Amino acid sequence: AITGTVWWATSASDADVPSGPAFTAIGKVTVFGSWVN
């Protein structure tokens, strides 16, 4: 039971990570006002 629980806990985190064809995220960050130099 302990071995099974440890295996489930460590493998579940990898299984939850999304997989699929990779893409590039793009965009812009803009700051307005006196917080820029």
PDB file of all heavy atoms in Angstrom:
ATOM      1  N   ALA A   1       0.830  -1.207   0.000  1.00  0.00           N
ATOM      2  CA  ALA A   1       0.000   0.000   0.000  1.00  0.00           C
ATOM      3  C   ALA A   1       0.863   1.255   0.000  1.00  0.00           C
ATOM      4  O   ALA A   1       0.603   2.207  -0.735  1.00  0.00           O
ATOM      5  CB  ALA A   1      -0.940  -0.005   1.205  1.00  0.00           C
ATOM      6  N   ILE A   2       1.906   1.259   0.794  1.00  0.00           N
ATOM      7  CA  ILE A   2       2.805   2.418   0.841  1.00  0.00           C
ATOM      8  C   ILE A   2       3.525   2.588  -0.488  1.00  0.00           C
ATOM      9  O   ILE A   2       3.599   3.684  -1.035  1.00  0.00           O
ATOM     10  CB  ILE A   2       3.807   2.270   2.006  1.00  0.00           C
ATOM     11  CG1 ILE A   2       3.068   2.413   3.334  1.00  0.00           C
ATOM     12  CG2 ILE A   2       4.930   3.295   1.893  1.00  0.00           C
ATOM     13  CD1 ILE A   2       3.890   2.034   4.546  1.00  0.00           C
ATOM     14  N   THR A   3       4.025   1.500  -1.044  1.00  0.00           N
ATOM     15  CA  THR A   3       4.705   1.563  -2.337  1.00  0.00           C
ATOM     16  C   THR A   3       3.767   2.073  -3.424  1.00  0.00           C
ATOM     17  O   THR A   3       4.136   2.930  -4.230  1.00  0.00           O
ATOM     18  CB  THR A   3       5.261   0.178  -2.722  1.00  0.00           C
ATOM     19  OG1 THR A   3       6.157  -0.249  -1.704  1.00  0.00           O
ATOM     20  CG2 THR A   3       5.965   0.217  -4.063  1.00  0.00           C
ATOM     21  N   GLY A   4       2.554   1.570  -3.444  1.00  0.00           N
ATOM     22  CA  GLY A   4       1.569   2.015  -4.431  1.00  0.00           C
ATOM     23  C   GLY A   4       1.224   3.485  -4.276  1.00  0.00           C
ATOM     24  O   GLY A   4       1.100   4.212  -5.259  1.00  0.00           O
ATOM     25  N   THR A   5       1.087   3.961  -3.056  1.00  0.00           N
ATOM     26  CA  THR A   5       0.770   5.367  -2.813  1.00  0.00           C
ATOM     27  C   THR A   5       1.909   6.268  -3.273  1.00  0.00           C
ATOM     28  O   THR A   5       1.677   7.289  -3.915  1.00  0.00           O
ATOM     29  CB  THR A   5       0.481   5.595  -1.313  1.00  0.00           C
ATOM     30  OG1 THR A   5      -0.620   4.769  -0.929  1.00  0.00           O
ATOM     31  CG2 THR A   5       0.163   7.045  -1.020  1.00  0.00           C
ATOM     32  N   VAL A   6       3.141   5.892  -2.958  1.00  0.00           N
ATOM     33  CA  VAL A   6       4.293   6.683  -3.394  1.00  0.00           C
ATOM     34  C   VAL A   6       4.374   6.698  -4.916  1.00  0.00           C
ATOM     35  O   VAL A   6       4.583   7.746  -5.534  1.00  0.00           O
ATOM     36  CB  VAL A   6       5.601   6.144  -2.767  1.00  0.00           C
ATOM     37  CG1 VAL A   6       6.821   6.769  -3.415  1.00  0.00           C
ATOM     38  CG2 VAL A   6       5.598   6.373  -1.267  1.00  0.00           C
ATOM     39  N   TRP A   7       4.184   5.572  -5.553  1.00  0.00           N
ATOM     40  CA  TRP A   7       4.213   5.512  -7.015  1.00  0.00           C
ATOM     41  C   TRP A   7       3.127   6.395  -7.608  1.00  0.00           C
ATOM     42  O   TRP A   7       3.366   7.165  -8.531  1.00  0.00           O
ATOM     43  CB  TRP A   7       4.023   4.072  -7.499  1.00  0.00           C
ATOM     44  CG  TRP A   7       3.902   4.006  -8.987  1.00  0.00           C
ATOM     45  CD1 TRP A   7       4.918   3.974  -9.892  1.00  0.00           C
ATOM     46  CD2 TRP A   7       2.692   4.012  -9.754  1.00  0.00           C
ATOM     47  NE1 TRP A   7       4.414   3.952 -11.161  1.00  0.00           N
ATOM     48  CE2 TRP A   7       3.042   3.982 -11.110  1.00  0.00           C
ATOM     49  CE3 TRP A   7       1.343   4.052  -9.417  1.00  0.00           C
ATOM     50  CZ2 TRP A   7       2.105   3.998 -12.122  1.00  0.00           C
ATOM     51  CZ3 TRP A   7       0.408   4.066 -10.433  1.00  0.00           C
ATOM     52  CH2 TRP A   7       0.798   4.028 -11.764  1.00  0.00           C
ATOM     53  N   TRP A   8       1.907   6.331  -7.074  1.00  0.00           N
ATOM     54  CA  TRP A   8       0.795   7.127  -7.592  1.00  0.00           C
ATOM     55  C   TRP A   8       1.083   8.610  -7.423  1.00  0.00           C
ATOM     56  O   TRP A   8       0.878   9.397  -8.343  1.00  0.00           O
ATOM     57  CB  TRP A   8      -0.499   6.759  -6.857  1.00  0.00           C
ATOM     58  CG  TRP A   8      -1.629   7.638  -7.267  1.00  0.00           C
ATOM     59  CD1 TRP A   8      -2.407   7.528  -8.371  1.00  0.00           C
ATOM     60  CD2 TRP A   8      -2.096   8.808  -6.593  1.00  0.00           C
ATOM     61  NE1 TRP A   8      -3.321   8.538  -8.428  1.00  0.00           N
ATOM     62  CE2 TRP A   8      -3.153   9.336  -7.334  1.00  0.00           C
ATOM     63  CE3 TRP A   8      -1.712   9.444  -5.417  1.00  0.00           C
ATOM     64  CZ2 TRP A   8      -3.831  10.481  -6.949  1.00  0.00           C
ATOM     65  CZ3 TRP A   8      -2.398  10.584  -5.038  1.00  0.00           C
ATOM     66  CH2 TRP A   8      -3.432  11.094  -5.793  1.00  0.00           C
ATOM     67  N   ALA A   9       1.590   9.017  -6.274  1.00  0.00           N
ATOM     68  CA  ALA A   9       1.845  10.434  -6.005  1.00  0.00           C
ATOM     69  C   ALA A   9       2.918  10.995  -6.930  1.00  0.00           C
ATOM     70  O   ALA A   9       2.809  12.119  -7.406  1.00  0.00           O
ATOM     71  CB  ALA A   9       2.250  10.631  -4.546  1.00  0.00           C
ATOM     72  N   THR A  10       3.947  10.224  -7.209  1.00  0.00           N
ATOM     73  CA  THR A  10       5.017  10.734  -8.058  1.00  0.00           C
ATOM     74  C   THR A  10       4.678  10.636  -9.532  1.00  0.00           C
ATOM     75  O   THR A  10       5.075  11.482 -10.318  1.00  0.00           O
ATOM     76  CB  THR A  10       6.345  10.000  -7.790  1.00  0.00           C
ATOM     77  OG1 THR A  10       6.146   8.605  -7.989  1.00  0.00           O
ATOM     78  CG2 THR A  10       6.835  10.270  -6.389  1.00  0.00           C
ATOM     79  N   SER A  11       3.912   9.655  -9.925  1.00  0.00           N
ATOM     80  CA  SER A  11       3.596   9.530 -11.354  1.00  0.00           C
ATOM     81  C   SER A  11       2.416  10.395 -11.737  1.00  0.00           C
ATOM     82  O   SER A  11       2.321  10.844 -12.864  1.00  0.00           O
ATOM     83  CB  SER A  11       3.303   8.075 -11.717  1.00  0.00           C
ATOM     84  OG  SER A  11       2.133   7.624 -11.067  1.00  0.00           O
ATOM     85  N   ALA A  12       1.517  10.683 -10.824  1.00  0.00           N
ATOM     86  CA  ALA A  12       0.343  11.490 -11.157  1.00  0.00           C
ATOM     87  C   ALA A  12       0.747  12.895 -11.551  1.00  0.00           C
ATOM     88  O   ALA A  12       0.159  13.481 -12.441  1.00  0.00           O
ATOM     89  CB  ALA A  12      -0.628  11.535  -9.973  1.00  0.00           C
ATOM     90  N   SER A  13       1.779  13.457 -10.930  1.00  0.00           N
ATOM     91  CA  SER A  13       2.170  14.815 -11.271  1.00  0.00           C
ATOM     92  C   SER A  13       2.674  14.894 -12.706  1.00  0.00           C
ATOM     93  O   SER A  13       2.408  15.864 -13.401  1.00  0.00           O
ATOM     94  CB  SER A  13       3.223  15.326 -10.300  1.00  0.00           C
ATOM     95  OG  SER A  13       4.386  14.539 -10.379  1.00  0.00           O
ATOM     96  N   ASP A  14       3.396  13.888 -13.176  1.00  0.00           N
ATOM     97  CA  ASP A  14       3.855  13.887 -14.559  1.00  0.00           C
ATOM     98  C   ASP A  14       2.701  13.668 -15.524  1.00  0.00           C
ATOM     99  O   ASP A  14       2.668  14.240 -16.606  1.00  0.00           O
ATOM    100  CB  ASP A  14       4.905  12.799 -14.780  1.00  0.00           C
ATOM    101  CG  ASP A  14       6.215  13.115 -14.071  1.00  0.00           C
ATOM    102  OD1 ASP A  14       6.431  14.302 -13.757  1.00  0.00           O
ATOM    103  OD2 ASP A  14       6.987  12.184 -13.826  1.00  0.00           O
ATOM    104  N   ALA A  15       1.741  12.837 -15.144  1.00  0.00           N
ATOM    105  CA  ALA A  15       0.611  12.546 -16.020  1.00  0.00           C
ATOM    106  C   ALA A  15      -0.290  13.769 -16.180  1.00  0.00           C
ATOM    107  O   ALA A  15      -0.947  13.923 -17.194  1.00  0.00           O
ATOM    108  CB  ALA A  15      -0.191  11.373 -15.467  1.00  0.00           C
ATOM    109  N   ASP A  16      -0.313  14.660 -15.184  1.00  0.00           N
ATOM    110  CA  ASP A  16      -1.174  15.830 -15.238  1.00  0.00           C
ATOM    111  C   ASP A  16      -0.600  16.951 -16.093  1.00  0.00           C
ATOM    112  O   ASP A  16      -1.306  17.884 -16.434  1.00  0.00           O
ATOM    113  CB  ASP A  16      -1.438  16.358 -13.829  1.00  0.00           C
ATOM    114  CG  ASP A  16      -2.295  15.393 -13.009  1.00  0.00           C
ATOM    115  OD1 ASP A  16      -2.944  14.514 -13.611  1.00  0.00           O
ATOM    116  OD2 ASP A  16      -2.299  15.516 -11.778  1.00  0.00           O
ATOM    117  N   VAL A  17       0.690  16.906 -16.395  1.00  0.00           N
ATOM    118  CA  VAL A  17       1.298  17.955 -17.204  1.00  0.00           C
ATOM    119  C   VAL A  17       0.783  17.815 -18.626  1.00  0.00           C
ATOM    120  O   VAL A  17       0.840  16.733 -19.213  1.00  0.00           O
ATOM    121  CB  VAL A  17       2.841  17.854 -17.164  1.00  0.00           C
ATOM    122  CG1 VAL A  17       3.471  18.848 -18.117  1.00  0.00           C
ATOM    123  CG2 VAL A  17       3.340  18.077 -15.750  1.00  0.00           C
ATOM    124  N   PRO A  18       0.242  18.919 -19.200  1.00  0.00           N
ATOM    125  CA  PRO A  18      -0.313  18.810 -20.544  1.00  0.00           C
ATOM    126  C   PRO A  18       0.742  18.434 -21.570  1.00  0.00           C
ATOM    127  O   PRO A  18       1.895  18.814 -21.447  1.00  0.00           O
ATOM    128  CB  PRO A  18      -0.859  20.205 -20.831  1.00  0.00           C
ATOM    129  CG  PRO A  18      -0.306  21.097 -19.802  1.00  0.00           C
ATOM    130  CD  PRO A  18       0.184  20.258 -18.665  1.00  0.00           C
ATOM    131  N   SER A  19       0.305  17.683 -22.558  1.00  0.00           N
ATOM    132  CA  SER A  19       1.199  17.355 -23.654  1.00  0.00           C
ATOM    133  C   SER A  19       0.419  17.563 -24.942  1.00  0.00           C
ATOM    134  O   SER A  19      -0.789  17.497 -24.970  1.00  0.00           O
ATOM    135  CB  SER A  19       1.683  15.911 -23.545  1.00  0.00           C
ATOM    136  OG  SER A  19       0.582  15.033 -23.619  1.00  0.00           O
ATOM    137  N   GLY A  20       1.117  17.832 -25.958  1.00  0.00           N
ATOM    138  CA  GLY A  20       0.513  18.083 -27.261  1.00  0.00           C
ATOM    139  C   GLY A  20       1.520  18.839 -28.098  1.00  0.00           C
ATOM    140  O   GLY A  20       2.590  19.206 -27.604  1.00  0.00           O
ATOM    141  N   PRO A  21       1.184  19.108 -29.348  1.00  0.00           N
ATOM    142  CA  PRO A  21       2.124  19.835 -30.205  1.00  0.00           C
ATOM    143  C   PRO A  21       2.494  21.184 -29.572  1.00  0.00           C
ATOM    144  O   PRO A  21       1.624  21.952 -29.177  1.00  0.00           O
ATOM    145  CB  PRO A  21       1.357  20.041 -31.507  1.00  0.00           C
ATOM    146  CG  PRO A  21       0.277  19.005 -31.485  1.00  0.00           C
ATOM    147  CD  PRO A  21      -0.051  18.765 -30.040  1.00  0.00           C
ATOM    148  N   ALA A  22       3.779  21.431 -29.453  1.00  0.00           N
ATOM    149  CA  ALA A  22       4.253  22.664 -28.820  1.00  0.00           C
ATOM    150  C   ALA A  22       3.999  23.870 -29.718  1.00  0.00           C
ATOM    151  O   ALA A  22       3.938  23.760 -30.942  1.00  0.00           O
ATOM    152  CB  ALA A  22       5.734  22.547 -28.502  1.00  0.00           C
ATOM    153  N   PHE A  23       3.827  25.014 -29.082  1.00  0.00           N
ATOM    154  CA  PHE A  23       3.647  26.270 -29.804  1.00  0.00           C
ATOM    155  C   PHE A  23       4.457  27.353 -29.113  1.00  0.00           C
ATOM    156  O   PHE A  23       4.990  27.158 -28.021  1.00  0.00           O
ATOM    157  CB  PHE A  23       2.162  26.653 -29.902  1.00  0.00           C
ATOM    158  CG  PHE A  23       1.523  26.974 -28.578  1.00  0.00           C
ATOM    159  CD1 PHE A  23       1.463  28.289 -28.117  1.00  0.00           C
ATOM    160  CD2 PHE A  23       0.958  25.978 -27.794  1.00  0.00           C
ATOM    161  CE1 PHE A  23       0.875  28.587 -26.900  1.00  0.00           C
ATOM    162  CE2 PHE A  23       0.361  26.271 -26.584  1.00  0.00           C
ATOM    163  CZ  PHE A  23       0.320  27.575 -26.120  1.00  0.00           C
ATOM    164  N   THR A  24       4.562  28.514 -29.738  1.00  0.00           N
ATOM    165  CA  THR A  24       5.249  29.661 -29.153  1.00  0.00           C
ATOM    166  C   THR A  24       4.200  30.672 -28.700  1.00  0.00           C
ATOM    167  O   THR A  24       3.368  31.103 -29.500  1.00  0.00           O
ATOM    168  CB  THR A  24       6.206  30.318 -30.162  1.00  0.00           C
ATOM    169  OG1 THR A  24       7.206  29.351 -30.518  1.00  0.00           O
ATOM    170  CG2 THR A  24       6.878  31.541 -29.578  1.00  0.00           C
ATOM    171  N   ALA A  25       4.241  31.005 -27.414  1.00  0.00           N
ATOM    172  CA  ALA A  25       3.362  32.046 -26.879  1.00  0.00           C
ATOM    173  C   ALA A  25       3.992  33.396 -27.200  1.00  0.00           C
ATOM    174  O   ALA A  25       5.193  33.586 -27.012  1.00  0.00           O
ATOM    175  CB  ALA A  25       3.201  31.890 -25.371  1.00  0.00           C
ATOM    176  N   ILE A  26       3.184  34.311 -27.722  1.00  0.00           N
ATOM    177  CA  ILE A  26       3.683  35.642 -28.062  1.00  0.00           C
ATOM    178  C   ILE A  26       2.780  36.704 -27.440  1.00  0.00           C
ATOM    179  O   ILE A  26       1.668  36.403 -27.011  1.00  0.00           O
ATOM    180  CB  ILE A  26       3.756  35.850 -29.593  1.00  0.00           C
ATOM    181  CG1 ILE A  26       2.369  35.650 -30.221  1.00  0.00           C
ATOM    182  CG2 ILE A  26       4.789  34.917 -30.216  1.00  0.00           C
ATOM    183  CD1 ILE A  26       2.293  36.037 -31.686  1.00  0.00           C
ATOM    184  N   GLY A  27       3.259  37.921 -27.411  1.00  0.00           N
ATOM    185  CA  GLY A  27       2.438  39.007 -26.894  1.00  0.00           C
ATOM    186  C   GLY A  27       3.259  40.236 -26.580  1.00  0.00           C
ATOM    187  O   GLY A  27       4.432  40.343 -26.961  1.00  0.00           O
ATOM    188  N   LYS A  28       2.601  41.166 -25.853  1.00  0.00           N
ATOM    189  CA  LYS A  28       3.249  42.415 -25.462  1.00  0.00           C
ATOM    190  C   LYS A  28       2.825  42.780 -24.053  1.00  0.00           C
ATOM    191  O   LYS A  28       1.682  42.569 -23.661  1.00  0.00           O
ATOM    192  CB  LYS A  28       2.854  43.547 -26.417  1.00  0.00           C
ATOM    193  CG  LYS A  28       3.399  43.376 -27.811  1.00  0.00           C
ATOM    194  CD  LYS A  28       3.063  44.557 -28.682  1.00  0.00           C
ATOM    195  CE  LYS A  28       3.697  44.362 -30.064  1.00  0.00           C
ATOM    196  NZ  LYS A  28       3.600  45.564 -30.865  1.00  0.00           N
ATOM    197  N   VAL A  29       3.772  43.368 -23.339  1.00  0.00           N
ATOM    198  CA  VAL A  29       3.516  43.915 -22.016  1.00  0.00           C
ATOM    199  C   VAL A  29       3.726  45.415 -22.126  1.00  0.00           C
ATOM    200  O   VAL A  29       4.764  45.871 -22.615  1.00  0.00           O
ATOM    201  CB  VAL A  29       4.490  43.334 -20.970  1.00  0.00           C
ATOM    202  CG1 VAL A  29       4.268  43.978 -19.617  1.00  0.00           C
ATOM    203  CG2 VAL A  29       4.350  41.827 -20.899  1.00  0.00           C
ATOM    204  N   THR A  30       2.725  46.195 -21.695  1.00  0.00           N
ATOM    205  CA  THR A  30       2.824  47.647 -21.769  1.00  0.00           C
ATOM    206  C   THR A  30       2.588  48.249 -20.393  1.00  0.00           C
ATOM    207  O   THR A  30       1.667  47.849 -19.693  1.00  0.00           O
ATOM    208  CB  THR A  30       1.801  48.231 -22.766  1.00  0.00           C
ATOM    209  OG1 THR A  30       2.040  47.667 -24.053  1.00  0.00           O
ATOM    210  CG2 THR A  30       1.922  49.746 -22.867  1.00  0.00           C
ATOM    211  N   VAL A  31       3.430  49.209 -20.047  1.00  0.00           N
ATOM    212  CA  VAL A  31       3.259  49.978 -18.819  1.00  0.00           C
ATOM    213  C   VAL A  31       2.961  51.413 -19.219  1.00  0.00           C
ATOM    214  O   VAL A  31       3.638  52.001 -20.063  1.00  0.00           O
ATOM    215  CB  VAL A  31       4.527  49.922 -17.940  1.00  0.00           C
ATOM    216  CG1 VAL A  31       4.406  50.889 -16.771  1.00  0.00           C
ATOM    217  CG2 VAL A  31       4.755  48.510 -17.439  1.00  0.00           C
ATOM    218  N   PHE A  32       1.912  51.964 -18.624  1.00  0.00           N
ATOM    219  CA  PHE A  32       1.520  53.354 -18.860  1.00  0.00           C
ATOM    220  C   PHE A  32       1.836  54.176 -17.616  1.00  0.00           C
ATOM    221  O   PHE A  32       1.697  53.697 -16.501  1.00  0.00           O
ATOM    222  CB  PHE A  32       0.010  53.449 -19.130  1.00  0.00           C
ATOM    223  CG  PHE A  32      -0.428  52.689 -20.350  1.00  0.00           C
ATOM    224  CD1 PHE A  32      -1.040  51.450 -20.213  1.00  0.00           C
ATOM    225  CD2 PHE A  32      -0.231  53.197 -21.618  1.00  0.00           C
ATOM    226  CE1 PHE A  32      -1.454  50.740 -21.326  1.00  0.00           C
ATOM    227  CE2 PHE A  32      -0.632  52.491 -22.734  1.00  0.00           C
ATOM    228  CZ  PHE A  32      -1.254  51.268 -22.592  1.00  0.00           C
ATOM    229  N   GLY A  33       2.224  55.427 -17.808  1.00  0.00           N
ATOM    230  CA  GLY A  33       2.402  56.339 -16.683  1.00  0.00           C
ATOM    231  C   GLY A  33       3.848  56.528 -16.299  1.00  0.00           C
ATOM    232  O   GLY A  33       4.773  56.295 -17.080  1.00  0.00           O
ATOM    233  N   SER A  34       4.020  56.952 -15.063  1.00  0.00           N
ATOM    234  CA  SER A  34       5.344  57.366 -14.594  1.00  0.00           C
ATOM    235  C   SER A  34       6.226  56.210 -14.150  1.00  0.00           C
ATOM    236  O   SER A  34       7.292  56.433 -13.592  1.00  0.00           O
ATOM    237  CB  SER A  34       5.175  58.369 -13.449  1.00  0.00           C
ATOM    238  OG  SER A  34       4.480  57.755 -12.383  1.00  0.00           O
ATOM    239  N   TRP A  35       5.810  54.954 -14.361  1.00  0.00           N
ATOM    240  CA  TRP A  35       6.612  53.807 -13.935  1.00  0.00           C
ATOM    241  C   TRP A  35       7.593  53.352 -15.002  1.00  0.00           C
ATOM    242  O   TRP A  35       8.111  52.247 -14.944  1.00  0.00           O
ATOM    243  CB  TRP A  35       5.712  52.635 -13.558  1.00  0.00           C
ATOM    244  CG  TRP A  35       4.905  52.930 -12.355  1.00  0.00           C
ATOM    245  CD1 TRP A  35       5.333  53.019 -11.074  1.00  0.00           C
ATOM    246  CD2 TRP A  35       3.513  53.180 -12.327  1.00  0.00           C
ATOM    247  NE1 TRP A  35       4.300  53.309 -10.248  1.00  0.00           N
ATOM    248  CE2 TRP A  35       3.158  53.417 -10.992  1.00  0.00           C
ATOM    249  CE3 TRP A  35       2.511  53.240 -13.297  1.00  0.00           C
ATOM    250  CZ2 TRP A  35       1.856  53.699 -10.600  1.00  0.00           C
ATOM    251  CZ3 TRP A  35       1.227  53.523 -12.916  1.00  0.00           C
ATOM    252  CH2 TRP A  35       0.915  53.753 -11.579  1.00  0.00           C
ATOM    253  N   VAL A  36       7.847  54.196 -16.003  1.00  0.00           N
ATOM    254  CA  VAL A  36       8.804  53.829 -17.045  1.00  0.00           C
ATOM    255  C   VAL A  36       9.840  54.925 -17.214  1.00  0.00           C
ATOM    256  O   VAL A  36       9.600  56.084 -16.913  1.00  0.00           O
ATOM    257  CB  VAL A  36       8.106  53.552 -18.405  1.00  0.00           C
ATOM    258  CG1 VAL A  36       7.219  52.337 -18.298  1.00  0.00           C
ATOM    259  CG2 VAL A  36       7.322  54.750 -18.897  1.00  0.00           C
ATOM    260  N   ASN A  37      10.989  54.520 -17.714  1.00  0.00           N
ATOM    261  CA  ASN A  37      12.067  55.453 -17.962  1.00  0.00           C
ATOM    262  C   ASN A  37      12.574  55.196 -19.369  1.00  0.00           C
ATOM    263  O   ASN A  37      13.045  54.103 -19.671  1.00  0.00           O
ATOM    264  CB  ASN A  37      13.180  55.256 -16.932  1.00  0.00           C
ATOM    265  CG  ASN A  37      14.262  56.292 -17.028  1.00  0.00           C
ATOM    266  OD1 ASN A  37      14.116  57.285 -17.744  1.00  0.00           O
ATOM    267  ND2 ASN A  37      15.350  56.074 -16.318  1.00  0.00           N
TER     268      ASN A  37
END
